Amino acid sequence: MPINDGIYTSTAFESSIFGGAQSNSRHWATWIDLTLMQADDEIKIIIYVQDVVAGTMKKYKTASYKNAQTDVMIFLPFVPTDKYDVTLQRIAGTDRDYKWRRVEQTLP
């Protein structure tokens, strides 16, 4: 099971935490560490998956987080798809570094 990780620094623009969509038929999941969030911070995280009919990327799930978090590790659940991406955007507050870990499991 391949594991990739890194650090993404938020900006006011929505962009991929991985540096671009990942392409392979797999089950994908992601951990994101929200430890550095403070009062008045707000971010939006969006998971994109490939539409198997149209072949285009579509929103799968959107979540927003505000202020300092008590549950600092979030898990974006496994999604089977041919293409996968997770974006993060600062809505309010200060740009922060977010550690992430992407887990991949090859489809049978």
PDB file of N, CA and C in Angstrom:
ATOM      1  N   MET A   1       0.856  -1.166   0.000  1.00  0.00           N
ATOM      2  CA  MET A   1       0.000   0.000   0.000  1.00  0.00           C
ATOM      3  C   MET A   1       0.904   1.231   0.000  1.00  0.00           C
ATOM      4  N   PRO A   2       0.989   1.931  -1.121  1.00  0.00           N
ATOM      5  CA  PRO A   2       1.823   3.143  -1.183  1.00  0.00           C
ATOM      6  C   PRO A   2       1.278   4.256  -0.279  1.00  0.00           C
ATOM      7  N   ILE A   3       2.190   4.942   0.373  1.00  0.00           N
ATOM      8  CA  ILE A   3       1.852   6.095   1.212  1.00  0.00           C
ATOM      9  C   ILE A   3       2.725   7.253   0.767  1.00  0.00           C
ATOM     10  N   ASN A   4       2.110   8.389   0.523  1.00  0.00           N
ATOM     11  CA  ASN A   4       2.825   9.607   0.164  1.00  0.00           C
ATOM     12  C   ASN A   4       2.434  10.684   1.154  1.00  0.00           C
ATOM     13  N   ASP A   5       3.373  11.565   1.482  1.00  0.00           N
ATOM     14  CA  ASP A   5       3.027  12.645   2.396  1.00  0.00           C
ATOM     15  C   ASP A   5       3.788  13.907   2.046  1.00  0.00           C
ATOM     16  N   GLY A   6       3.348  15.004   2.642  1.00  0.00           N
ATOM     17  CA  GLY A   6       3.980  16.280   2.375  1.00  0.00           C
ATOM     18  C   GLY A   6       3.374  17.362   3.235  1.00  0.00           C
ATOM     19  N   ILE A   7       3.724  18.586   2.904  1.00  0.00           N
ATOM     20  CA  ILE A   7       3.190  19.760   3.594  1.00  0.00           C
ATOM     21  C   ILE A   7       2.664  20.707   2.536  1.00  0.00           C
ATOM     22  N   TYR A   8       1.445  21.183   2.743  1.00  0.00           N
ATOM     23  CA  TYR A   8       0.828  22.137   1.826  1.00  0.00           C
ATOM     24  C   TYR A   8       0.627  23.445   2.590  1.00  0.00           C
ATOM     25  N   THR A   9       1.055  24.564   2.012  1.00  0.00           N
ATOM     26  CA  THR A   9       0.820  25.883   2.604  1.00  0.00           C
ATOM     27  C   THR A   9      -0.402  26.490   1.946  1.00  0.00           C
ATOM     28  N   SER A  10      -1.395  26.822   2.751  1.00  0.00           N
ATOM     29  CA  SER A  10      -2.656  27.345   2.221  1.00  0.00           C
ATOM     30  C   SER A  10      -2.465  28.707   1.560  1.00  0.00           C
ATOM     31  N   THR A  11      -3.390  29.029   0.664  1.00  0.00           N
ATOM     32  CA  THR A  11      -3.478  30.349   0.044  1.00  0.00           C
ATOM     33  C   THR A  11      -4.954  30.695  -0.088  1.00  0.00           C
ATOM     34  N   ALA A  12      -5.232  31.882  -0.572  1.00  0.00           N
ATOM     35  CA  ALA A  12      -6.619  32.304  -0.779  1.00  0.00           C
ATOM     36  C   ALA A  12      -7.239  31.647  -2.015  1.00  0.00           C
ATOM     37  N   PHE A  13      -6.447  30.884  -2.751  1.00  0.00           N
ATOM     38  CA  PHE A  13      -6.927  30.233  -3.971  1.00  0.00           C
ATOM     39  C   PHE A  13      -7.035  28.730  -3.755  1.00  0.00           C
ATOM     40  N   GLU A  14      -8.071  28.121  -4.276  1.00  0.00           N
ATOM     41  CA  GLU A  14      -8.209  26.670  -4.197  1.00  0.00           C
ATOM     42  C   GLU A  14      -7.139  26.015  -5.057  1.00  0.00           C
ATOM     43  N   SER A  15      -6.363  25.131  -4.457  1.00  0.00           N
ATOM     44  CA  SER A  15      -5.382  24.384  -5.250  1.00  0.00           C
ATOM     45  C   SER A  15      -5.098  23.033  -4.607  1.00  0.00           C
ATOM     46  N   SER A  16      -4.580  22.122  -5.418  1.00  0.00           N
ATOM     47  CA  SER A  16      -4.325  20.744  -5.017  1.00  0.00           C
ATOM     48  C   SER A  16      -3.243  20.669  -3.944  1.00  0.00           C
ATOM     49  N   ILE A  17      -3.514  19.903  -2.893  1.00  0.00           N
ATOM     50  CA  ILE A  17      -2.484  19.726  -1.873  1.00  0.00           C
ATOM     51  C   ILE A  17      -1.385  18.798  -2.382  1.00  0.00           C
ATOM     52  N   PHE A  18      -1.675  17.989  -3.411  1.00  0.00           N
ATOM     53  CA  PHE A  18      -0.704  17.048  -3.970  1.00  0.00           C
ATOM     54  C   PHE A  18       0.098  17.650  -5.117  1.00  0.00           C
ATOM     55  N   GLY A  19      -0.287  18.814  -5.595  1.00  0.00           N
ATOM     56  CA  GLY A  19       0.365  19.397  -6.766  1.00  0.00           C
ATOM     57  C   GLY A  19      -0.305  18.988  -8.068  1.00  0.00           C
ATOM     58  N   GLY A  20      -1.458  18.337  -8.004  1.00  0.00           N
ATOM     59  CA  GLY A  20      -2.208  17.928  -9.192  1.00  0.00           C
ATOM     60  C   GLY A  20      -2.925  16.621  -8.952  1.00  0.00           C
ATOM     61  N   ALA A  21      -3.905  16.346  -9.809  1.00  0.00           N
ATOM     62  CA  ALA A  21      -4.705  15.126  -9.675  1.00  0.00           C
ATOM     63  C   ALA A  21      -3.828  13.889  -9.835  1.00  0.00           C
ATOM     64  N   GLN A  22      -4.131  12.879  -9.060  1.00  0.00           N
ATOM     65  CA  GLN A  22      -3.428  11.600  -9.118  1.00  0.00           C
ATOM     66  C   GLN A  22      -4.180  10.669 -10.063  1.00  0.00           C
ATOM     67  N   SER A  23      -3.463   9.990 -10.940  1.00  0.00           N
ATOM     68  CA  SER A  23      -4.096   9.143 -11.952  1.00  0.00           C
ATOM     69  C   SER A  23      -3.640   7.700 -11.817  1.00  0.00           C
ATOM     70  N   ASN A  24      -4.519   6.852 -11.408  1.00  0.00           N
ATOM     71  CA  ASN A  24      -4.363   5.400 -11.341  1.00  0.00           C
ATOM     72  C   ASN A  24      -5.666   4.855 -10.797  1.00  0.00           C
ATOM     73  N   SER A  25      -6.044   3.678 -11.215  1.00  0.00           N
ATOM     74  CA  SER A  25      -7.241   3.046 -10.661  1.00  0.00           C
ATOM     75  C   SER A  25      -6.901   2.497  -9.290  1.00  0.00           C
ATOM     76  N   ARG A  26      -7.372   3.187  -8.256  1.00  0.00           N
ATOM     77  CA  ARG A  26      -7.048   2.820  -6.876  1.00  0.00           C
ATOM     78  C   ARG A  26      -8.167   3.227  -5.929  1.00  0.00           C
ATOM     79  N   HIS A  27      -8.031   2.766  -4.716  1.00  0.00           N
ATOM     80  CA  HIS A  27      -8.785   3.318  -3.591  1.00  0.00           C
ATOM     81  C   HIS A  27      -7.865   4.375  -2.987  1.00  0.00           C
ATOM     82  N   TRP A  28      -8.363   5.589  -2.838  1.00  0.00           N
ATOM     83  CA  TRP A  28      -7.556   6.711  -2.334  1.00  0.00           C
ATOM     84  C   TRP A  28      -8.141   7.206  -1.015  1.00  0.00           C
ATOM     85  N   ALA A  29      -7.274   7.603  -0.100  1.00  0.00           N
ATOM     86  CA  ALA A  29      -7.706   8.223   1.153  1.00  0.00           C
ATOM     87  C   ALA A  29      -6.641   9.232   1.568  1.00  0.00           C
ATOM     88  N   THR A  30      -7.028  10.199   2.391  1.00  0.00           N
ATOM     89  CA  THR A  30      -6.084  11.244   2.803  1.00  0.00           C
ATOM     90  C   THR A  30      -6.300  11.632   4.255  1.00  0.00           C
ATOM     91  N   TRP A  31      -5.187  11.821   4.968  1.00  0.00           N
ATOM     92  CA  TRP A  31      -5.169  12.421   6.298  1.00  0.00           C
ATOM     93  C   TRP A  31      -4.701  13.863   6.140  1.00  0.00           C
ATOM     94  N   ILE A  32      -5.298  14.786   6.893  1.00  0.00           N
ATOM     95  CA  ILE A  32      -4.818  16.173   6.921  1.00  0.00           C
ATOM     96  C   ILE A  32      -4.741  16.614   8.380  1.00  0.00           C
ATOM     97  N   ASP A  33      -3.617  17.218   8.737  1.00  0.00           N
ATOM     98  CA  ASP A  33      -3.360  17.672  10.108  1.00  0.00           C
ATOM     99  C   ASP A  33      -3.724  19.151  10.227  1.00  0.00           C
ATOM    100  N   LEU A  34      -4.707  19.442  11.072  1.00  0.00           N
ATOM    101  CA  LEU A  34      -5.193  20.816  11.266  1.00  0.00           C
ATOM    102  C   LEU A  34      -4.643  21.451  12.549  1.00  0.00           C
ATOM    103  N   THR A  35      -3.570  20.902  13.091  1.00  0.00           N
ATOM    104  CA  THR A  35      -3.001  21.358  14.363  1.00  0.00           C
ATOM    105  C   THR A  35      -2.712  22.851  14.391  1.00  0.00           C
ATOM    106  N   LEU A  36      -2.222  23.416  13.296  1.00  0.00           N
ATOM    107  CA  LEU A  36      -1.785  24.814  13.298  1.00  0.00           C
ATOM    108  C   LEU A  36      -2.910  25.835  13.142  1.00  0.00           C
ATOM    109  N   MET A  37      -4.148  25.384  12.930  1.00  0.00           N
ATOM    110  CA  MET A  37      -5.256  26.342  12.798  1.00  0.00           C
ATOM    111  C   MET A  37      -5.466  27.100  14.104  1.00  0.00           C
ATOM    112  N   GLN A  38      -5.791  28.395  13.976  1.00  0.00           N
ATOM    113  CA  GLN A  38      -6.005  29.273  15.126  1.00  0.00           C
ATOM    114  C   GLN A  38      -7.379  29.932  15.029  1.00  0.00           C
ATOM    115  N   ALA A  39      -7.723  30.690  16.081  1.00  0.00           N
ATOM    116  CA  ALA A  39      -8.976  31.447  16.084  1.00  0.00           C
ATOM    117  C   ALA A  39      -9.037  32.321  14.839  1.00  0.00           C
ATOM    118  N   ASP A  40     -10.196  32.410  14.229  1.00  0.00           N
ATOM    119  CA  ASP A  40     -10.478  33.213  13.040  1.00  0.00           C
ATOM    120  C   ASP A  40      -9.952  32.603  11.739  1.00  0.00           C
ATOM    121  N   ASP A  41      -9.275  31.439  11.790  1.00  0.00           N
ATOM    122  CA  ASP A  41      -8.904  30.739  10.558  1.00  0.00           C
ATOM    123  C   ASP A  41     -10.120  29.984  10.031  1.00  0.00           C
ATOM    124  N   GLU A  42     -10.217  29.909   8.723  1.00  0.00           N
ATOM    125  CA  GLU A  42     -11.233  29.082   8.081  1.00  0.00           C
ATOM    126  C   GLU A  42     -10.656  28.532   6.785  1.00  0.00           C
ATOM    127  N   ILE A  43     -10.841  27.224   6.571  1.00  0.00           N
ATOM    128  CA  ILE A  43     -10.398  26.605   5.331  1.00  0.00           C
ATOM    129  C   ILE A  43     -11.531  25.784   4.730  1.00  0.00           C
ATOM    130  N   LYS A  44     -11.419  25.538   3.444  1.00  0.00           N
ATOM    131  CA  LYS A  44     -12.358  24.671   2.737  1.00  0.00           C
ATOM    132  C   LYS A  44     -11.542  23.576   2.059  1.00  0.00           C
ATOM    133  N   ILE A  45     -11.973  22.329   2.229  1.00  0.00           N
ATOM    134  CA  ILE A  45     -11.319  21.183   1.610  1.00  0.00           C
ATOM    135  C   ILE A  45     -12.327  20.516   0.679  1.00  0.00           C
ATOM    136  N   ILE A  46     -11.892  20.214  -0.551  1.00  0.00           N
ATOM    137  CA  ILE A  46     -12.760  19.563  -1.523  1.00  0.00           C
ATOM    138  C   ILE A  46     -12.065  18.322  -2.076  1.00  0.00           C
ATOM    139  N   ILE A  47     -12.804  17.210  -2.118  1.00  0.00           N
ATOM    140  CA  ILE A  47     -12.330  15.991  -2.771  1.00  0.00           C
ATOM    141  C   ILE A  47     -12.941  15.950  -4.167  1.00  0.00           C
ATOM    142  N   TYR A  48     -12.096  15.704  -5.171  1.00  0.00           N
ATOM    143  CA  TYR A  48     -12.556  15.543  -6.550  1.00  0.00           C
ATOM    144  C   TYR A  48     -12.271  14.118  -7.003  1.00  0.00           C
ATOM    145  N   VAL A  49     -13.199  13.533  -7.758  1.00  0.00           N
ATOM    146  CA  VAL A  49     -13.005  12.224  -8.367  1.00  0.00           C
ATOM    147  C   VAL A  49     -13.397  12.305  -9.842  1.00  0.00           C
ATOM    148  N   GLN A  50     -12.914  11.335 -10.595  1.00  0.00           N
ATOM    149  CA  GLN A  50     -13.217  11.328 -12.025  1.00  0.00           C
ATOM    150  C   GLN A  50     -14.586  10.715 -12.274  1.00  0.00           C
ATOM    151  N   ASP A  51     -15.399  11.401 -13.075  1.00  0.00           N
ATOM    152  CA  ASP A  51     -16.671  10.879 -13.553  1.00  0.00           C
ATOM    153  C   ASP A  51     -16.341   9.804 -14.583  1.00  0.00           C
ATOM    154  N   VAL A  52     -16.736   8.567 -14.313  1.00  0.00           N
ATOM    155  CA  VAL A  52     -16.340   7.462 -15.200  1.00  0.00           C
ATOM    156  C   VAL A  52     -16.974   7.550 -16.584  1.00  0.00           C
ATOM    157  N   VAL A  53     -18.102   8.210 -16.713  1.00  0.00           N
ATOM    158  CA  VAL A  53     -18.756   8.337 -18.015  1.00  0.00           C
ATOM    159  C   VAL A  53     -18.166   9.505 -18.800  1.00  0.00           C
ATOM    160  N   ALA A  54     -18.123  10.685 -18.193  1.00  0.00           N
ATOM    161  CA  ALA A  54     -17.656  11.885 -18.893  1.00  0.00           C
ATOM    162  C   ALA A  54     -16.131  12.006 -18.903  1.00  0.00           C
ATOM    163  N   GLY A  55     -15.463  11.366 -17.943  1.00  0.00           N
ATOM    164  CA  GLY A  55     -14.011  11.457 -17.864  1.00  0.00           C
ATOM    165  C   GLY A  55     -13.505  12.749 -17.242  1.00  0.00           C
ATOM    166  N   THR A  56     -14.402  13.572 -16.741  1.00  0.00           N
ATOM    167  CA  THR A  56     -14.010  14.846 -16.132  1.00  0.00           C
ATOM    168  C   THR A  56     -13.979  14.716 -14.610  1.00  0.00           C
ATOM    169  N   MET A  57     -13.267  15.640 -13.975  1.00  0.00           N
ATOM    170  CA  MET A  57     -13.207  15.659 -12.514  1.00  0.00           C
ATOM    171  C   MET A  57     -14.449  16.358 -11.965  1.00  0.00           C
ATOM    172  N   LYS A  58     -15.048  15.744 -10.940  1.00  0.00           N
ATOM    173  CA  LYS A  58     -16.233  16.310 -10.311  1.00  0.00           C
ATOM    174  C   LYS A  58     -16.069  16.305  -8.801  1.00  0.00           C
ATOM    175  N   LYS A  59     -16.747  17.267  -8.150  1.00  0.00           N
ATOM    176  CA  LYS A  59     -16.705  17.345  -6.693  1.00  0.00           C
ATOM    177  C   LYS A  59     -17.381  16.118  -6.096  1.00  0.00           C
ATOM    178  N   TYR A  60     -16.705  15.528  -5.141  1.00  0.00           N
ATOM    179  CA  TYR A  60     -17.254  14.382  -4.405  1.00  0.00           C
ATOM    180  C   TYR A  60     -17.735  14.820  -3.020  1.00  0.00           C
ATOM    181  N   LYS A  61     -16.909  15.631  -2.347  1.00  0.00           N
ATOM    182  CA  LYS A  61     -17.258  16.064  -0.995  1.00  0.00           C
ATOM    183  C   LYS A  61     -16.567  17.384  -0.687  1.00  0.00           C
ATOM    184  N   THR A  62     -17.282  18.276   0.018  1.00  0.00           N
ATOM    185  CA  THR A  62     -16.732  19.558   0.454  1.00  0.00           C
ATOM    186  C   THR A  62     -16.914  19.666   1.962  1.00  0.00           C
ATOM    187  N   ALA A  63     -15.877  20.142   2.631  1.00  0.00           N
ATOM    188  CA  ALA A  63     -15.953  20.340   4.084  1.00  0.00           C
ATOM    189  C   ALA A  63     -15.247  21.637   4.446  1.00  0.00           C
ATOM    190  N   SER A  64     -15.784  22.333   5.451  1.00  0.00           N
ATOM    191  CA  SER A  64     -15.168  23.570   5.947  1.00  0.00           C
ATOM    192  C   SER A  64     -14.797  23.389   7.409  1.00  0.00           C
ATOM    193  N   TYR A  65     -13.694  24.024   7.795  1.00  0.00           N
ATOM    194  CA  TYR A  65     -13.209  23.980   9.168  1.00  0.00           C
ATOM    195  C   TYR A  65     -12.895  25.403   9.600  1.00  0.00           C
ATOM    196  N   LYS A  66     -13.356  25.769  10.814  1.00  0.00           N
ATOM    197  CA  LYS A  66     -13.158  27.123  11.334  1.00  0.00           C
ATOM    198  C   LYS A  66     -12.491  27.068  12.695  1.00  0.00           C
ATOM    199  N   ASN A  67     -11.615  28.054  12.932  1.00  0.00           N
ATOM    200  CA  ASN A  67     -10.972  28.251  14.233  1.00  0.00           C
ATOM    201  C   ASN A  67     -10.028  27.096  14.589  1.00  0.00           C
ATOM    202  N   ALA A  68      -9.437  27.160  15.763  1.00  0.00           N
ATOM    203  CA  ALA A  68      -8.567  26.086  16.240  1.00  0.00           C
ATOM    204  C   ALA A  68      -9.408  24.823  16.394  1.00  0.00           C
ATOM    205  N   GLN A  69      -8.834  23.699  16.036  1.00  0.00           N
ATOM    206  CA  GLN A  69      -9.562  22.435  16.048  1.00  0.00           C
ATOM    207  C   GLN A  69      -9.197  21.608  17.274  1.00  0.00           C
ATOM    208  N   THR A  70     -10.200  20.983  17.886  1.00  0.00           N
ATOM    209  CA  THR A  70      -9.914  20.073  18.992  1.00  0.00           C
ATOM    210  C   THR A  70      -9.572  18.682  18.443  1.00  0.00           C
ATOM    211  N   ASP A  71     -10.234  18.267  17.372  1.00  0.00           N
ATOM    212  CA  ASP A  71      -9.881  17.028  16.671  1.00  0.00           C
ATOM    213  C   ASP A  71      -8.995  17.450  15.508  1.00  0.00           C
ATOM    214  N   VAL A  72      -7.682  17.387  15.701  1.00  0.00           N
ATOM    215  CA  VAL A  72      -6.768  18.015  14.753  1.00  0.00           C
ATOM    216  C   VAL A  72      -6.433  17.152  13.535  1.00  0.00           C
ATOM    217  N   MET A  73      -6.690  15.857  13.600  1.00  0.00           N
ATOM    218  CA  MET A  73      -6.426  15.001  12.446  1.00  0.00           C
ATOM    219  C   MET A  73      -7.751  14.634  11.790  1.00  0.00           C
ATOM    220  N   ILE A  74      -7.868  14.944  10.487  1.00  0.00           N
ATOM    221  CA  ILE A  74      -9.082  14.550   9.780  1.00  0.00           C
ATOM    222  C   ILE A  74      -8.720  13.484   8.758  1.00  0.00           C
ATOM    223  N   PHE A  75      -9.654  12.576   8.521  1.00  0.00           N
ATOM    224  CA  PHE A  75      -9.457  11.489   7.572  1.00  0.00           C
ATOM    225  C   PHE A  75     -10.508  11.608   6.492  1.00  0.00           C
ATOM    226  N   LEU A  76     -10.060  11.716   5.255  1.00  0.00           N
ATOM    227  CA  LEU A  76     -10.962  11.736   4.112  1.00  0.00           C
ATOM    228  C   LEU A  76     -11.032  10.295   3.617  1.00  0.00           C
ATOM    229  N   PRO A  77     -12.200   9.642   3.695  1.00  0.00           N
ATOM    230  CA  PRO A  77     -12.306   8.197   3.535  1.00  0.00           C
ATOM    231  C   PRO A  77     -11.910   7.682   2.150  1.00  0.00           C
ATOM    232  N   PHE A  78     -11.645   6.368   2.095  1.00  0.00           N
ATOM    233  CA  PHE A  78     -11.266   5.724   0.842  1.00  0.00           C
ATOM    234  C   PHE A  78     -12.336   5.888  -0.223  1.00  0.00           C
ATOM    235  N   VAL A  79     -11.893   6.259  -1.425  1.00  0.00           N
ATOM    236  CA  VAL A  79     -12.768   6.428  -2.583  1.00  0.00           C
ATOM    237  C   VAL A  79     -12.136   5.677  -3.751  1.00  0.00           C
ATOM    238  N   PRO A  80     -12.853   4.722  -4.365  1.00  0.00           N
ATOM    239  CA  PRO A  80     -12.308   4.049  -5.544  1.00  0.00           C
ATOM    240  C   PRO A  80     -12.575   4.893  -6.797  1.00  0.00           C
ATOM    241  N   THR A  81     -11.511   5.249  -7.503  1.00  0.00           N
ATOM    242  CA  THR A  81     -11.666   6.068  -8.706  1.00  0.00           C
ATOM    243  C   THR A  81     -10.397   6.001  -9.546  1.00  0.00           C
ATOM    244  N   ASP A  82     -10.500   6.409 -10.803  1.00  0.00           N
ATOM    245  CA  ASP A  82      -9.340   6.429 -11.693  1.00  0.00           C
ATOM    246  C   ASP A  82      -8.493   7.681 -11.511  1.00  0.00           C
ATOM    247  N   LYS A  83      -9.111   8.783 -11.097  1.00  0.00           N
ATOM    248  CA  LYS A  83      -8.394  10.034 -10.834  1.00  0.00           C
ATOM    249  C   LYS A  83      -8.915  10.613  -9.533  1.00  0.00           C
ATOM    250  N   TYR A  84      -8.000  11.233  -8.763  1.00  0.00           N
ATOM    251  CA  TYR A  84      -8.336  11.688  -7.424  1.00  0.00           C
ATOM    252  C   TYR A  84      -7.555  12.958  -7.123  1.00  0.00           C
ATOM    253  N   ASP A  85      -8.216  13.907  -6.462  1.00  0.00           N
ATOM    254  CA  ASP A  85      -7.524  15.117  -6.042  1.00  0.00           C
ATOM    255  C   ASP A  85      -8.192  15.658  -4.787  1.00  0.00           C
ATOM    256  N   VAL A  86      -7.410  16.350  -3.971  1.00  0.00           N
ATOM    257  CA  VAL A  86      -7.902  17.032  -2.776  1.00  0.00           C
ATOM    258  C   VAL A  86      -7.355  18.452  -2.827  1.00  0.00           C
ATOM    259  N   THR A  87      -8.256  19.430  -2.706  1.00  0.00           N
ATOM    260  CA  THR A  87      -7.827  20.822  -2.712  1.00  0.00           C
ATOM    261  C   THR A  87      -8.088  21.443  -1.343  1.00  0.00           C
ATOM    262  N   LEU A  88      -7.352  22.511  -1.072  1.00  0.00           N
ATOM    263  CA  LEU A  88      -7.516  23.242   0.181  1.00  0.00           C
ATOM    264  C   LEU A  88      -7.434  24.729  -0.143  1.00  0.00           C
ATOM    265  N   GLN A  89      -8.304  25.504   0.486  1.00  0.00           N
ATOM    266  CA  GLN A  89      -8.337  26.951   0.266  1.00  0.00           C
ATOM    267  C   GLN A  89      -8.535  27.655   1.594  1.00  0.00           C
ATOM    268  N   ARG A  90      -7.729  28.700   1.850  1.00  0.00           N
ATOM    269  CA  ARG A  90      -7.934  29.536   3.026  1.00  0.00           C
ATOM    270  C   ARG A  90      -9.067  30.500   2.722  1.00  0.00           C
ATOM    271  N   ILE A  91     -10.096  30.479   3.540  1.00  0.00           N
ATOM    272  CA  ILE A  91     -11.239  31.377   3.384  1.00  0.00           C
ATOM    273  C   ILE A  91     -11.041  32.621   4.254  1.00  0.00           C
ATOM    274  N   ALA A  92     -10.507  32.426   5.448  1.00  0.00           N
ATOM    275  CA  ALA A  92     -10.267  33.545   6.375  1.00  0.00           C
ATOM    276  C   ALA A  92      -9.064  33.215   7.253  1.00  0.00           C
ATOM    277  N   GLY A  93      -8.483  34.255   7.834  1.00  0.00           N
ATOM    278  CA  GLY A  93      -7.358  34.056   8.744  1.00  0.00           C
ATOM    279  C   GLY A  93      -6.018  34.093   8.029  1.00  0.00           C
ATOM    280  N   THR A  94      -5.091  33.333   8.555  1.00  0.00           N
ATOM    281  CA  THR A  94      -3.700  33.346   8.106  1.00  0.00           C
ATOM    282  C   THR A  94      -3.371  32.068   7.347  1.00  0.00           C
ATOM    283  N   ASP A  95      -2.523  32.165   6.326  1.00  0.00           N
ATOM    284  CA  ASP A  95      -2.048  30.965   5.635  1.00  0.00           C
ATOM    285  C   ASP A  95      -1.261  30.113   6.617  1.00  0.00           C
ATOM    286  N   ARG A  96      -1.492  28.823   6.589  1.00  0.00           N
ATOM    287  CA  ARG A  96      -0.842  27.878   7.504  1.00  0.00           C
ATOM    288  C   ARG A  96      -0.285  26.702   6.707  1.00  0.00           C
ATOM    289  N   ASP A  97       0.632  25.972   7.337  1.00  0.00           N
ATOM    290  CA  ASP A  97       1.142  24.730   6.762  1.00  0.00           C
ATOM    291  C   ASP A  97       0.267  23.578   7.238  1.00  0.00           C
ATOM    292  N   TYR A  98      -0.135  22.727   6.306  1.00  0.00           N
ATOM    293  CA  TYR A  98      -0.961  21.560   6.609  1.00  0.00           C
ATOM    294  C   TYR A  98      -0.220  20.311   6.169  1.00  0.00           C
ATOM    295  N   LYS A  99       0.121  19.465   7.126  1.00  0.00           N
ATOM    296  CA  LYS A  99       0.724  18.180   6.785  1.00  0.00           C
ATOM    297  C   LYS A  99      -0.369  17.268   6.248  1.00  0.00           C
ATOM    298  N   TRP A 100      -0.018  16.483   5.237  1.00  0.00           N
ATOM    299  CA  TRP A 100      -0.982  15.537   4.680  1.00  0.00           C
ATOM    300  C   TRP A 100      -0.303  14.205   4.413  1.00  0.00           C
ATOM    301  N   ARG A 101      -1.115  13.174   4.370  1.00  0.00           N
ATOM    302  CA  ARG A 101      -0.652  11.834   4.012  1.00  0.00           C
ATOM    303  C   ARG A 101      -1.727  11.194   3.142  1.00  0.00           C
ATOM    304  N   ARG A 102      -1.327  10.790   1.942  1.00  0.00           N
ATOM    305  CA  ARG A 102      -2.239  10.125   1.000  1.00  0.00           C
ATOM    306  C   ARG A 102      -1.938   8.631   1.023  1.00  0.00           C
ATOM    307  N   VAL A 103      -2.991   7.832   1.156  1.00  0.00           N
ATOM    308  CA  VAL A 103      -2.868   6.387   1.175  1.00  0.00           C
ATOM    309  C   VAL A 103      -3.545   5.841  -0.070  1.00  0.00           C
ATOM    310  N   GLU A 104      -2.878   4.908  -0.739  1.00  0.00           N
ATOM    311  CA  GLU A 104      -3.395   4.343  -1.988  1.00  0.00           C
ATOM    312  C   GLU A 104      -3.446   2.823  -1.879  1.00  0.00           C
ATOM    313  N   GLN A 105      -4.536   2.252  -2.317  1.00  0.00           N
ATOM    314  CA  GLN A 105      -4.661   0.800  -2.359  1.00  0.00           C
ATOM    315  C   GLN A 105      -5.083   0.417  -3.780  1.00  0.00           C
ATOM    316  N   THR A 106      -4.286  -0.421  -4.435  1.00  0.00           N
ATOM    317  CA  THR A 106      -4.584  -0.845  -5.800  1.00  0.00           C
ATOM    318  C   THR A 106      -5.917  -1.584  -5.834  1.00  0.00           C
ATOM    319  N   LEU A 107      -6.717  -1.290  -6.851  1.00  0.00           N
ATOM    320  CA  LEU A 107      -7.992  -1.989  -7.019  1.00  0.00           C
ATOM    321  C   LEU A 107      -7.724  -3.420  -7.469  1.00  0.00           C
ATOM    322  N   PRO A 108      -8.561  -4.370  -7.017  1.00  0.00           N
ATOM    323  CA  PRO A 108      -8.364  -5.768  -7.417  1.00  0.00           C
ATOM    324  C   PRO A 108      -8.642  -5.978  -8.908  1.00  0.00           C
TER     325      PRO A 108
END
